[in-house]
């Protein structure tokens, strides 16, 4: 079995801010469809507000903002937009499962970095480090990075794996795959986000961890 590489300093660079802003704008437009069935109104200074499960969301410059017992949240998507995403193992996911300690981020595309940025701006960590899966250790972009997977996760050392792409369902009908667009998987301080819109997957996990979605 290949010995894991020693960690080396790797400057963290996430360039998701612009894309997050664009996706937040799209998220805001899409809320027209949700407002007809949920509690929403205009708050102070005419800013849109939204109530969900006892939490009041206010639209701010950086996203939808609310307060929780663990601190403030700034989100691209509202709970109503992500609550139905598949979330395997989420009955064990809480704030302490993902917050604190060191976090290793395994991502390899701009879309994956954007999902990681959503996690990093809402959870406090003592340090953060980009990493690669062990099976990718020979790739050029991974040669200077530590190799980590879910087996390395602990309360002191969280692992977040992001995998962009279409998730194929188990059943197919008339040649059309039953695809779920996003999926969250949590196990023992290891969070895996899969799908086409990884910010939505990240928001689903964040809302569960902060107690907004039960």
N, C-alpha and C. Protein backbone atom coordinates (compact mmCIF):
# COMPACT_ATOMS: atom_id res chain seq x y z
N UNK A 1 0.86 -1.20 0.00
CA UNK A 1 0.00 0.00 0.00
C UNK A 1 0.88 1.23 0.00
N UNK A 2 0.62 2.18 -0.83
CA UNK A 2 1.46 3.35 -0.98
C UNK A 2 1.42 4.20 0.27
N UNK A 3 2.60 4.54 0.76
CA UNK A 3 2.69 5.38 1.95
C UNK A 3 2.26 6.79 1.63
N UNK A 4 1.45 7.38 2.51
CA UNK A 4 0.95 8.72 2.25
C UNK A 4 2.08 9.72 2.31
N UNK A 5 2.03 10.71 1.46
CA UNK A 5 3.07 11.70 1.39
C UNK A 5 3.01 12.64 2.58
N UNK A 6 4.18 13.14 2.95
CA UNK A 6 4.23 14.14 4.01
C UNK A 6 3.58 15.43 3.51
N UNK A 7 2.93 16.12 4.41
CA UNK A 7 2.28 17.36 4.04
C UNK A 7 3.33 18.41 3.71
N UNK A 8 3.05 19.20 2.70
CA UNK A 8 3.88 20.33 2.36
C UNK A 8 3.01 21.57 2.34
N UNK A 9 3.63 22.67 2.60
CA UNK A 9 2.86 23.90 2.57
C UNK A 9 2.34 24.14 1.18
N UNK A 10 1.05 24.40 1.12
CA UNK A 10 0.44 24.64 -0.18
C UNK A 10 -0.49 25.83 -0.05
N UNK A 11 -0.17 26.98 -0.64
CA UNK A 11 -1.05 28.15 -0.51
C UNK A 11 -2.43 27.85 -1.04
N UNK A 12 -3.42 28.13 -0.20
CA UNK A 12 -4.81 27.82 -0.58
C UNK A 12 -5.33 28.91 -1.50
N UNK A 13 -5.86 28.48 -2.63
CA UNK A 13 -6.38 29.45 -3.60
C UNK A 13 -7.71 28.98 -4.11
N UNK A 14 -8.78 29.67 -3.72
CA UNK A 14 -10.12 29.36 -4.22
C UNK A 14 -10.64 30.58 -4.96
N UNK A 15 -10.97 30.38 -6.22
CA UNK A 15 -11.40 31.52 -7.02
C UNK A 15 -12.90 31.45 -7.28
N UNK A 16 -13.67 31.02 -6.27
CA UNK A 16 -15.10 30.84 -6.47
C UNK A 16 -15.95 32.06 -6.21
N UNK A 17 -15.40 33.17 -5.75
CA UNK A 17 -16.24 34.29 -5.33
C UNK A 17 -17.14 34.80 -6.44
N UNK A 18 -16.58 34.98 -7.63
CA UNK A 18 -17.39 35.52 -8.73
C UNK A 18 -18.48 34.55 -9.13
N UNK A 19 -18.14 33.26 -9.20
CA UNK A 19 -19.14 32.27 -9.59
C UNK A 19 -20.21 32.16 -8.53
N UNK A 20 -19.81 32.22 -7.24
CA UNK A 20 -20.79 32.18 -6.16
C UNK A 20 -21.77 33.34 -6.29
N UNK A 21 -21.25 34.53 -6.63
CA UNK A 21 -22.13 35.69 -6.78
C UNK A 21 -23.12 35.49 -7.91
N UNK A 22 -22.66 34.94 -9.03
CA UNK A 22 -23.55 34.68 -10.16
C UNK A 22 -24.61 33.66 -9.78
N UNK A 23 -24.19 32.59 -9.08
CA UNK A 23 -25.15 31.56 -8.71
C UNK A 23 -26.14 32.09 -7.69
N UNK A 24 -25.70 33.01 -6.83
CA UNK A 24 -26.62 33.61 -5.87
C UNK A 24 -27.68 34.42 -6.59
N UNK A 25 -27.29 35.13 -7.64
CA UNK A 25 -28.26 35.89 -8.43
C UNK A 25 -29.28 34.95 -9.05
N UNK A 26 -28.80 33.84 -9.62
CA UNK A 26 -29.72 32.87 -10.20
C UNK A 26 -30.62 32.26 -9.15
N UNK A 27 -30.06 32.03 -7.96
CA UNK A 27 -30.85 31.49 -6.86
C UNK A 27 -31.96 32.44 -6.48
N UNK A 28 -31.65 33.75 -6.45
CA UNK A 28 -32.65 34.75 -6.08
C UNK A 28 -33.79 34.77 -7.08
N UNK A 29 -33.45 34.72 -8.36
CA UNK A 29 -34.48 34.72 -9.40
C UNK A 29 -35.38 33.50 -9.27
N UNK A 30 -34.76 32.35 -8.97
CA UNK A 30 -35.53 31.12 -8.87
C UNK A 30 -36.49 31.09 -7.72
N UNK A 31 -36.32 31.97 -6.74
CA UNK A 31 -37.19 31.94 -5.58
C UNK A 31 -38.61 32.38 -5.88
N UNK A 32 -38.83 32.97 -7.02
CA UNK A 32 -40.19 33.35 -7.41
C UNK A 32 -41.10 32.14 -7.33
N UNK A 33 -40.57 30.97 -7.68
CA UNK A 33 -41.38 29.75 -7.69
C UNK A 33 -41.66 29.25 -6.29
N UNK A 34 -40.78 29.57 -5.33
CA UNK A 34 -40.96 29.09 -3.97
C UNK A 34 -41.82 30.03 -3.15
N UNK A 35 -41.79 31.31 -3.44
CA UNK A 35 -42.47 32.28 -2.61
C UNK A 35 -43.98 32.06 -2.55
N UNK A 36 -44.54 31.46 -3.57
CA UNK A 36 -45.99 31.27 -3.57
C UNK A 36 -46.44 30.35 -2.46
N UNK A 37 -45.54 29.45 -1.98
CA UNK A 37 -45.96 28.49 -0.96
C UNK A 37 -45.25 28.64 0.36
N UNK A 38 -44.33 29.60 0.49
CA UNK A 38 -43.57 29.76 1.71
C UNK A 38 -43.70 31.19 2.20
N UNK A 39 -43.28 31.40 3.46
CA UNK A 39 -43.41 32.71 4.08
C UNK A 39 -42.27 33.61 3.64
N UNK A 40 -42.61 34.70 2.95
CA UNK A 40 -41.59 35.65 2.52
C UNK A 40 -42.20 37.04 2.52
N UNK A 41 -41.34 38.04 2.69
CA UNK A 41 -41.82 39.42 2.70
C UNK A 41 -40.64 40.35 2.51
N UNK A 42 -40.90 41.64 2.66
CA UNK A 42 -39.84 42.64 2.58
C UNK A 42 -39.47 43.07 3.99
N UNK A 43 -38.18 42.94 4.34
CA UNK A 43 -37.72 43.32 5.66
C UNK A 43 -37.27 44.77 5.69
N UNK A 44 -36.39 45.07 6.66
CA UNK A 44 -35.88 46.43 6.79
C UNK A 44 -35.19 46.87 5.52
N UNK A 45 -35.35 48.13 5.17
CA UNK A 45 -34.73 48.72 3.98
C UNK A 45 -35.16 48.02 2.69
N UNK A 46 -36.29 47.34 2.74
CA UNK A 46 -36.82 46.71 1.55
C UNK A 46 -36.10 45.46 1.11
N UNK A 47 -35.22 44.89 1.95
CA UNK A 47 -34.51 43.67 1.57
C UNK A 47 -35.44 42.47 1.67
N UNK A 48 -35.42 41.57 0.68
CA UNK A 48 -36.27 40.37 0.74
C UNK A 48 -35.90 39.52 1.95
N UNK A 49 -36.91 38.97 2.61
CA UNK A 49 -36.70 38.05 3.73
C UNK A 49 -37.46 36.77 3.46
N UNK A 50 -37.08 35.73 4.18
CA UNK A 50 -37.67 34.41 3.96
C UNK A 50 -37.62 33.65 5.27
N UNK A 51 -38.73 33.05 5.68
CA UNK A 51 -38.80 32.29 6.92
C UNK A 51 -38.86 30.80 6.63
N UNK A 52 -38.03 30.04 7.35
CA UNK A 52 -38.02 28.59 7.18
C UNK A 52 -37.69 27.94 8.51
N UNK A 53 -38.58 27.10 9.01
CA UNK A 53 -38.32 26.28 10.19
C UNK A 53 -37.85 27.12 11.38
N UNK A 54 -38.41 28.32 11.52
CA UNK A 54 -38.05 29.19 12.63
C UNK A 54 -36.84 30.07 12.39
N UNK A 55 -36.23 29.97 11.23
CA UNK A 55 -35.07 30.80 10.89
C UNK A 55 -35.50 31.88 9.90
N UNK A 56 -35.06 33.10 10.15
CA UNK A 56 -35.37 34.21 9.24
C UNK A 56 -34.15 34.51 8.38
N UNK A 57 -34.33 34.46 7.08
CA UNK A 57 -33.26 34.74 6.13
C UNK A 57 -33.47 36.13 5.53
N UNK A 58 -32.38 36.87 5.44
CA UNK A 58 -32.40 38.20 4.83
C UNK A 58 -31.40 38.21 3.68
N UNK A 59 -31.83 38.73 2.55
CA UNK A 59 -30.93 38.80 1.40
C UNK A 59 -29.92 39.92 1.60
N UNK A 60 -28.65 39.56 1.60
CA UNK A 60 -27.57 40.54 1.73
C UNK A 60 -26.68 40.53 0.51
N UNK A 61 -25.61 41.30 0.56
CA UNK A 61 -24.72 41.40 -0.58
C UNK A 61 -24.03 40.07 -0.90
N UNK A 62 -23.74 39.28 0.15
CA UNK A 62 -23.00 38.04 -0.07
C UNK A 62 -23.85 36.80 -0.21
N UNK A 63 -25.16 36.94 0.01
CA UNK A 63 -26.04 35.77 -0.07
C UNK A 63 -27.17 35.88 0.93
N UNK A 64 -27.85 34.77 1.16
CA UNK A 64 -28.93 34.72 2.14
C UNK A 64 -28.33 34.53 3.52
N UNK A 65 -28.67 35.42 4.45
CA UNK A 65 -28.04 35.43 5.76
C UNK A 65 -29.06 35.10 6.84
N UNK A 66 -28.62 34.30 7.83
CA UNK A 66 -29.46 33.98 8.97
C UNK A 66 -28.57 33.73 10.18
N UNK A 67 -29.16 33.72 11.36
CA UNK A 67 -28.43 33.44 12.60
C UNK A 67 -28.84 32.09 13.14
N UNK A 68 -27.88 31.34 13.67
CA UNK A 68 -28.14 30.04 14.26
C UNK A 68 -27.47 29.97 15.63
N UNK A 69 -27.71 28.89 16.35
CA UNK A 69 -27.09 28.71 17.66
C UNK A 69 -25.57 28.59 17.55
N UNK A 70 -25.07 28.25 16.36
CA UNK A 70 -23.63 28.06 16.17
C UNK A 70 -22.97 29.26 15.50
N UNK A 71 -23.75 30.26 15.16
CA UNK A 71 -23.20 31.43 14.51
C UNK A 71 -23.96 31.77 13.24
N UNK A 72 -23.55 32.83 12.56
CA UNK A 72 -24.26 33.26 11.35
C UNK A 72 -23.97 32.36 10.16
N UNK A 73 -24.90 32.35 9.22
CA UNK A 73 -24.72 31.64 7.96
C UNK A 73 -24.88 32.63 6.81
N UNK A 74 -24.08 32.45 5.77
CA UNK A 74 -24.24 33.19 4.52
C UNK A 74 -24.29 32.15 3.41
N UNK A 75 -25.43 32.04 2.74
CA UNK A 75 -25.68 30.93 1.82
C UNK A 75 -26.10 31.42 0.44
N UNK A 76 -25.75 30.65 -0.57
CA UNK A 76 -26.21 30.92 -1.93
C UNK A 76 -27.66 30.49 -2.09
N UNK A 77 -28.01 29.30 -1.60
CA UNK A 77 -29.35 28.74 -1.75
C UNK A 77 -30.11 28.77 -0.44
N UNK A 78 -31.42 28.93 -0.53
CA UNK A 78 -32.30 28.82 0.63
C UNK A 78 -32.59 27.35 0.93
N UNK A 79 -32.99 27.03 2.17
CA UNK A 79 -33.27 25.64 2.53
C UNK A 79 -34.27 24.96 1.61
N UNK A 80 -35.32 25.69 1.21
CA UNK A 80 -36.35 25.12 0.36
C UNK A 80 -35.78 24.60 -0.96
N UNK A 81 -34.69 25.18 -1.41
CA UNK A 81 -34.11 24.81 -2.69
C UNK A 81 -33.23 23.57 -2.63
N UNK A 82 -32.83 23.17 -1.42
CA UNK A 82 -31.89 22.04 -1.31
C UNK A 82 -32.37 20.93 -0.38
N UNK A 83 -33.49 21.13 0.31
CA UNK A 83 -33.90 20.19 1.35
C UNK A 83 -34.21 18.79 0.84
N UNK A 84 -34.54 18.66 -0.44
CA UNK A 84 -34.89 17.35 -0.98
C UNK A 84 -33.71 16.62 -1.62
N UNK A 85 -32.51 17.19 -1.57
CA UNK A 85 -31.35 16.49 -2.12
C UNK A 85 -31.04 15.26 -1.28
N UNK A 86 -30.60 14.20 -1.95
CA UNK A 86 -30.25 12.97 -1.24
C UNK A 86 -29.08 13.24 -0.29
N UNK A 87 -29.21 12.77 0.94
CA UNK A 87 -28.18 13.02 1.96
C UNK A 87 -27.96 11.74 2.75
N UNK A 88 -27.01 10.94 2.32
CA UNK A 88 -26.73 9.64 2.94
C UNK A 88 -25.89 9.85 4.20
N UNK A 89 -26.33 9.27 5.30
CA UNK A 89 -25.60 9.40 6.56
C UNK A 89 -25.83 10.70 7.28
N UNK A 90 -26.75 11.51 6.79
CA UNK A 90 -26.94 12.84 7.38
C UNK A 90 -27.61 12.80 8.75
N UNK A 91 -28.17 11.67 9.13
CA UNK A 91 -28.72 11.57 10.48
C UNK A 91 -27.60 11.70 11.52
N UNK A 92 -26.36 11.47 11.12
CA UNK A 92 -25.21 11.59 12.03
C UNK A 92 -24.45 12.90 11.85
N UNK A 93 -24.90 13.72 10.92
CA UNK A 93 -24.20 14.96 10.61
C UNK A 93 -24.68 16.10 11.50
N UNK A 94 -23.78 16.67 12.28
CA UNK A 94 -24.10 17.84 13.08
C UNK A 94 -22.94 18.83 13.01
N UNK A 95 -23.07 19.93 13.73
CA UNK A 95 -22.07 21.00 13.62
C UNK A 95 -20.67 20.52 13.97
N UNK A 96 -20.55 19.79 15.09
CA UNK A 96 -19.24 19.35 15.53
C UNK A 96 -18.62 18.31 14.60
N UNK A 97 -19.43 17.71 13.74
CA UNK A 97 -18.91 16.74 12.79
C UNK A 97 -18.01 17.39 11.75
N UNK A 98 -18.27 18.67 11.44
CA UNK A 98 -17.54 19.33 10.36
C UNK A 98 -16.74 20.55 10.80
N UNK A 99 -17.06 21.12 11.94
CA UNK A 99 -16.41 22.36 12.36
C UNK A 99 -15.16 22.07 13.20
N UNK A 100 -14.20 22.98 13.12
CA UNK A 100 -13.02 22.92 13.97
C UNK A 100 -11.95 21.98 13.46
N UNK A 101 -10.76 22.11 14.02
CA UNK A 101 -9.64 21.28 13.61
C UNK A 101 -9.13 21.65 12.23
N UNK A 102 -8.42 20.73 11.63
CA UNK A 102 -7.89 20.94 10.29
C UNK A 102 -8.83 20.32 9.27
N UNK A 103 -8.88 20.90 8.09
CA UNK A 103 -9.71 20.32 7.03
C UNK A 103 -8.86 20.14 5.78
N UNK A 104 -9.01 18.97 5.17
CA UNK A 104 -8.38 18.68 3.88
C UNK A 104 -9.45 18.77 2.80
N UNK A 105 -9.20 19.57 1.78
CA UNK A 105 -10.14 19.75 0.68
C UNK A 105 -9.61 19.02 -0.55
N UNK A 106 -10.40 18.11 -1.08
CA UNK A 106 -10.01 17.36 -2.27
C UNK A 106 -10.90 17.82 -3.41
N UNK A 107 -10.36 18.64 -4.29
CA UNK A 107 -11.10 19.18 -5.43
C UNK A 107 -10.14 19.40 -6.58
N UNK A 108 -10.67 19.36 -7.81
CA UNK A 108 -9.77 19.46 -8.96
C UNK A 108 -10.36 20.27 -10.11
N UNK A 109 -11.41 21.04 -9.85
CA UNK A 109 -12.00 21.87 -10.90
C UNK A 109 -12.55 23.14 -10.27
N UNK A 110 -12.87 24.12 -11.11
CA UNK A 110 -13.43 25.38 -10.61
C UNK A 110 -14.75 25.13 -9.89
N UNK A 111 -15.60 24.27 -10.45
CA UNK A 111 -16.89 23.97 -9.83
C UNK A 111 -16.70 23.32 -8.47
N UNK A 112 -15.71 22.43 -8.37
CA UNK A 112 -15.44 21.78 -7.09
C UNK A 112 -14.88 22.78 -6.08
N UNK A 113 -14.03 23.70 -6.55
CA UNK A 113 -13.52 24.75 -5.67
C UNK A 113 -14.64 25.65 -5.15
N UNK A 114 -15.63 25.92 -5.98
CA UNK A 114 -16.76 26.75 -5.56
C UNK A 114 -17.55 26.08 -4.44
N UNK A 115 -17.76 24.78 -4.56
CA UNK A 115 -18.43 24.05 -3.49
C UNK A 115 -17.62 24.07 -2.21
N UNK A 116 -16.30 23.94 -2.35
CA UNK A 116 -15.42 24.00 -1.18
C UNK A 116 -15.47 25.37 -0.53
N UNK A 117 -15.53 26.43 -1.33
CA UNK A 117 -15.58 27.79 -0.80
C UNK A 117 -16.83 27.99 0.05
N UNK A 118 -17.94 27.39 -0.34
CA UNK A 118 -19.18 27.51 0.43
C UNK A 118 -19.02 26.86 1.81
N UNK A 119 -18.33 25.72 1.86
CA UNK A 119 -18.06 25.06 3.14
C UNK A 119 -17.13 25.93 3.99
N UNK A 120 -16.06 26.42 3.39
CA UNK A 120 -15.02 27.13 4.14
C UNK A 120 -15.50 28.46 4.70
N UNK A 121 -16.45 29.11 4.07
CA UNK A 121 -16.88 30.41 4.59
C UNK A 121 -17.91 30.28 5.70
N UNK A 122 -18.42 29.08 5.94
CA UNK A 122 -19.43 28.89 6.98
C UNK A 122 -18.96 28.07 8.17
N UNK A 123 -17.86 27.33 8.03
CA UNK A 123 -17.32 26.55 9.14
C UNK A 123 -15.95 27.10 9.55
N UNK A 124 -15.69 27.20 10.87
CA UNK A 124 -14.36 27.64 11.32
C UNK A 124 -13.39 26.46 11.36
N UNK A 125 -12.19 26.66 10.84
CA UNK A 125 -11.14 25.64 10.89
C UNK A 125 -9.84 26.28 11.35
N UNK A 126 -9.03 25.50 12.07
CA UNK A 126 -7.73 26.02 12.50
C UNK A 126 -6.79 26.14 11.32
N UNK A 127 -6.93 25.27 10.33
CA UNK A 127 -6.13 25.36 9.11
C UNK A 127 -6.81 24.58 8.01
N UNK A 128 -6.47 24.88 6.78
CA UNK A 128 -7.04 24.18 5.64
C UNK A 128 -5.93 23.82 4.66
N UNK A 129 -6.08 22.67 4.01
CA UNK A 129 -5.04 22.15 3.14
C UNK A 129 -5.67 21.45 1.94
N UNK A 130 -5.22 21.79 0.77
CA UNK A 130 -5.65 21.04 -0.41
C UNK A 130 -4.97 19.68 -0.41
N UNK A 131 -5.67 18.65 -0.86
CA UNK A 131 -5.11 17.29 -0.88
C UNK A 131 -5.62 16.56 -2.12
N UNK A 132 -5.12 15.35 -2.32
CA UNK A 132 -5.55 14.49 -3.42
C UNK A 132 -5.91 13.11 -2.88
N UNK A 133 -6.77 12.41 -3.60
CA UNK A 133 -7.05 11.03 -3.27
C UNK A 133 -5.82 10.18 -3.56
N UNK A 134 -5.59 9.11 -2.78
CA UNK A 134 -4.41 8.27 -2.99
C UNK A 134 -4.28 7.74 -4.41
N UNK A 135 -5.41 7.40 -5.05
CA UNK A 135 -5.35 6.84 -6.41
C UNK A 135 -4.90 7.86 -7.45
N UNK A 136 -4.89 9.13 -7.07
CA UNK A 136 -4.45 10.18 -8.00
C UNK A 136 -3.05 10.69 -7.68
N UNK A 137 -2.35 9.99 -6.81
CA UNK A 137 -1.06 10.46 -6.34
C UNK A 137 -0.01 10.66 -7.40
N UNK A 138 -0.12 9.95 -8.53
CA UNK A 138 0.88 10.07 -9.59
C UNK A 138 0.59 11.20 -10.56
N UNK A 139 -0.58 11.83 -10.43
CA UNK A 139 -0.88 12.96 -11.31
C UNK A 139 0.02 14.14 -10.97
N UNK A 140 0.37 14.89 -11.99
CA UNK A 140 1.31 15.99 -11.81
C UNK A 140 0.84 16.98 -10.76
N UNK A 141 -0.47 17.29 -10.78
CA UNK A 141 -0.99 18.29 -9.84
C UNK A 141 -1.05 17.79 -8.40
N UNK A 142 -0.82 16.48 -8.21
CA UNK A 142 -0.91 15.91 -6.87
C UNK A 142 0.45 15.57 -6.26
N UNK A 143 1.50 15.71 -7.03
CA UNK A 143 2.81 15.24 -6.57
C UNK A 143 3.33 16.00 -5.36
N UNK A 144 2.91 17.23 -5.19
CA UNK A 144 3.37 18.03 -4.06
C UNK A 144 2.33 18.15 -2.95
N UNK A 145 1.25 17.37 -3.06
CA UNK A 145 0.15 17.46 -2.09
C UNK A 145 0.06 16.20 -1.25
N UNK A 146 -0.45 16.32 -0.01
CA UNK A 146 -0.70 15.13 0.79
C UNK A 146 -1.83 14.31 0.18
N UNK A 147 -1.79 13.00 0.40
CA UNK A 147 -2.82 12.10 -0.10
C UNK A 147 -3.73 11.71 1.06
N UNK A 148 -5.02 11.92 0.87
CA UNK A 148 -5.98 11.65 1.93
C UNK A 148 -7.26 11.07 1.33
N UNK A 149 -7.96 10.25 2.13
CA UNK A 149 -9.31 9.80 1.78
C UNK A 149 -10.10 9.67 3.07
N UNK A 150 -11.31 9.11 2.99
CA UNK A 150 -12.18 9.06 4.17
C UNK A 150 -11.59 8.24 5.31
N UNK A 151 -10.70 7.31 5.00
CA UNK A 151 -10.07 6.51 6.05
C UNK A 151 -9.20 7.35 6.97
N UNK A 152 -8.79 8.53 6.51
CA UNK A 152 -7.93 9.40 7.31
C UNK A 152 -8.71 10.42 8.14
N UNK A 153 -10.02 10.45 8.00
CA UNK A 153 -10.82 11.48 8.66
C UNK A 153 -10.95 11.22 10.16
N UNK A 154 -11.02 12.31 10.92
CA UNK A 154 -11.24 12.25 12.36
C UNK A 154 -11.81 13.59 12.81
N UNK A 155 -12.18 13.70 14.07
CA UNK A 155 -12.70 14.97 14.57
C UNK A 155 -11.64 16.07 14.52
N UNK A 156 -10.38 15.69 14.58
CA UNK A 156 -9.29 16.67 14.50
C UNK A 156 -8.86 16.94 13.07
N UNK A 157 -9.25 16.08 12.16
CA UNK A 157 -8.77 16.18 10.77
C UNK A 157 -9.91 15.80 9.82
N UNK A 158 -10.70 16.81 9.43
CA UNK A 158 -11.84 16.56 8.56
C UNK A 158 -11.40 16.39 7.11
N UNK A 159 -12.20 15.64 6.35
CA UNK A 159 -11.96 15.45 4.92
C UNK A 159 -13.21 15.89 4.17
N UNK A 160 -13.05 16.75 3.16
CA UNK A 160 -14.16 17.14 2.28
C UNK A 160 -13.76 16.80 0.85
N UNK A 161 -14.52 15.90 0.23
CA UNK A 161 -14.24 15.44 -1.13
C UNK A 161 -15.34 15.97 -2.05
N UNK A 162 -14.96 16.62 -3.12
CA UNK A 162 -15.92 17.16 -4.08
C UNK A 162 -15.72 16.50 -5.43
N UNK A 163 -16.81 16.00 -6.01
CA UNK A 163 -16.74 15.27 -7.28
C UNK A 163 -17.81 15.81 -8.22
N UNK A 164 -17.37 16.57 -9.20
CA UNK A 164 -18.29 17.16 -10.17
C UNK A 164 -18.70 16.13 -11.22
N UNK A 165 -19.98 16.13 -11.60
CA UNK A 165 -20.44 15.24 -12.65
C UNK A 165 -21.87 14.79 -12.43
N UNK A 166 -22.41 14.09 -13.42
CA UNK A 166 -23.78 13.59 -13.34
C UNK A 166 -23.79 12.31 -12.53
N UNK A 167 -24.72 12.21 -11.58
CA UNK A 167 -24.87 11.01 -10.78
C UNK A 167 -25.90 10.11 -11.44
N UNK A 168 -25.51 8.92 -11.81
CA UNK A 168 -26.41 8.00 -12.48
C UNK A 168 -27.24 7.24 -11.45
N UNK A 169 -28.55 7.17 -11.68
CA UNK A 169 -29.44 6.41 -10.81
C UNK A 169 -29.36 4.92 -11.11
N UNK A 170 -30.06 4.14 -10.32
CA UNK A 170 -30.01 2.69 -10.47
C UNK A 170 -30.89 2.20 -11.61
N UNK A 171 -31.91 2.95 -11.96
CA UNK A 171 -32.86 2.48 -12.96
C UNK A 171 -32.80 3.34 -14.22
N UNK A 172 -33.02 2.70 -15.34
CA UNK A 172 -33.08 3.42 -16.60
C UNK A 172 -34.37 3.04 -17.32
N UNK A 173 -34.94 4.02 -17.99
CA UNK A 173 -36.21 3.80 -18.66
C UNK A 173 -36.13 4.38 -20.06
N UNK A 174 -36.31 3.53 -21.05
CA UNK A 174 -36.27 3.95 -22.45
C UNK A 174 -34.97 4.67 -22.78
N UNK A 175 -33.88 4.18 -22.20
CA UNK A 175 -32.57 4.72 -22.51
C UNK A 175 -32.24 6.03 -21.84
N UNK A 176 -33.14 6.54 -21.02
CA UNK A 176 -32.88 7.80 -20.31
C UNK A 176 -32.54 7.48 -18.87
N UNK A 177 -31.36 7.87 -18.45
CA UNK A 177 -30.93 7.54 -17.09
C UNK A 177 -31.69 8.37 -16.07
N UNK A 178 -32.00 7.74 -14.95
CA UNK A 178 -32.62 8.44 -13.83
C UNK A 178 -31.49 9.06 -13.01
N UNK A 179 -31.14 10.27 -13.30
CA UNK A 179 -29.98 10.90 -12.68
C UNK A 179 -30.40 11.87 -11.59
N UNK A 180 -29.75 11.76 -10.44
CA UNK A 180 -29.90 12.74 -9.38
C UNK A 180 -28.83 13.79 -9.58
N UNK A 181 -29.20 15.04 -9.54
CA UNK A 181 -28.24 16.09 -9.89
C UNK A 181 -27.18 16.31 -8.81
N UNK A 182 -27.56 16.18 -7.53
CA UNK A 182 -26.62 16.38 -6.45
C UNK A 182 -26.83 15.34 -5.35
N UNK A 183 -25.77 15.03 -4.63
CA UNK A 183 -25.86 14.04 -3.56
C UNK A 183 -24.83 14.38 -2.48
N UNK A 184 -25.23 14.18 -1.22
CA UNK A 184 -24.35 14.38 -0.08
C UNK A 184 -24.15 13.05 0.62
N UNK A 185 -22.92 12.76 1.00
CA UNK A 185 -22.61 11.53 1.73
C UNK A 185 -21.72 11.89 2.91
N UNK A 186 -22.15 11.50 4.12
CA UNK A 186 -21.36 11.80 5.31
C UNK A 186 -21.06 10.53 6.09
N UNK A 187 -19.80 10.41 6.52
CA UNK A 187 -19.42 9.27 7.37
C UNK A 187 -18.14 9.62 8.14
N UNK A 188 -18.25 9.61 9.46
CA UNK A 188 -17.08 9.74 10.33
C UNK A 188 -16.16 10.91 9.97
N UNK A 189 -16.71 12.11 10.00
CA UNK A 189 -15.96 13.34 9.72
C UNK A 189 -15.45 13.46 8.30
N UNK A 190 -16.00 12.66 7.40
CA UNK A 190 -15.67 12.74 5.98
C UNK A 190 -16.94 13.10 5.21
N UNK A 191 -16.91 14.22 4.50
CA UNK A 191 -18.05 14.69 3.73
C UNK A 191 -17.73 14.61 2.25
N UNK A 192 -18.60 13.92 1.50
CA UNK A 192 -18.43 13.81 0.06
C UNK A 192 -19.61 14.50 -0.62
N UNK A 193 -19.31 15.43 -1.52
CA UNK A 193 -20.33 16.15 -2.28
C UNK A 193 -20.19 15.77 -3.74
N UNK A 194 -21.30 15.33 -4.35
CA UNK A 194 -21.27 14.89 -5.73
C UNK A 194 -22.35 15.59 -6.53
N UNK A 195 -22.14 15.73 -7.84
CA UNK A 195 -23.19 16.22 -8.71
C UNK A 195 -22.76 17.35 -9.62
N UNK A 196 -23.77 17.98 -10.21
CA UNK A 196 -23.53 19.04 -11.18
C UNK A 196 -23.37 20.41 -10.52
N UNK A 197 -24.12 20.66 -9.46
CA UNK A 197 -24.07 21.94 -8.75
C UNK A 197 -23.59 21.67 -7.33
N UNK A 198 -22.30 21.79 -7.13
CA UNK A 198 -21.73 21.40 -5.84
C UNK A 198 -21.97 22.44 -4.76
N UNK A 199 -22.33 23.67 -5.13
CA UNK A 199 -22.73 24.64 -4.12
C UNK A 199 -24.06 24.21 -3.49
N UNK A 200 -24.98 23.70 -4.29
CA UNK A 200 -26.24 23.20 -3.74
C UNK A 200 -25.98 22.03 -2.80
N UNK A 201 -25.10 21.12 -3.19
CA UNK A 201 -24.77 19.98 -2.33
C UNK A 201 -24.14 20.47 -1.03
N UNK A 202 -23.25 21.45 -1.13
CA UNK A 202 -22.63 22.01 0.08
C UNK A 202 -23.67 22.66 0.98
N UNK A 203 -24.60 23.41 0.40
CA UNK A 203 -25.64 24.07 1.19
C UNK A 203 -26.53 23.05 1.91
N UNK A 204 -26.81 21.93 1.24
CA UNK A 204 -27.61 20.89 1.89
C UNK A 204 -26.91 20.38 3.15
N UNK A 205 -25.61 20.13 3.05
CA UNK A 205 -24.85 19.64 4.20
C UNK A 205 -24.75 20.70 5.29
N UNK A 206 -24.52 21.94 4.90
CA UNK A 206 -24.38 23.02 5.88
C UNK A 206 -25.68 23.22 6.66
N UNK A 207 -26.80 23.25 5.97
CA UNK A 207 -28.08 23.44 6.65
C UNK A 207 -28.37 22.31 7.63
N UNK A 208 -28.00 21.09 7.27
CA UNK A 208 -28.20 19.97 8.20
C UNK A 208 -27.30 20.13 9.42
N UNK A 209 -26.04 20.46 9.20
CA UNK A 209 -25.10 20.57 10.31
C UNK A 209 -25.47 21.69 11.28
N UNK A 210 -26.03 22.79 10.76
CA UNK A 210 -26.40 23.92 11.60
C UNK A 210 -27.82 23.80 12.17
N UNK A 211 -28.52 22.72 11.87
CA UNK A 211 -29.83 22.49 12.44
C UNK A 211 -30.97 23.23 11.77
N UNK A 212 -30.72 23.80 10.59
CA UNK A 212 -31.79 24.49 9.87
C UNK A 212 -32.72 23.48 9.21
N UNK A 213 -32.14 22.45 8.61
CA UNK A 213 -32.89 21.33 8.05
C UNK A 213 -32.73 20.15 8.99
N UNK A 214 -33.82 19.56 9.42
CA UNK A 214 -33.73 18.45 10.37
C UNK A 214 -33.44 17.14 9.66
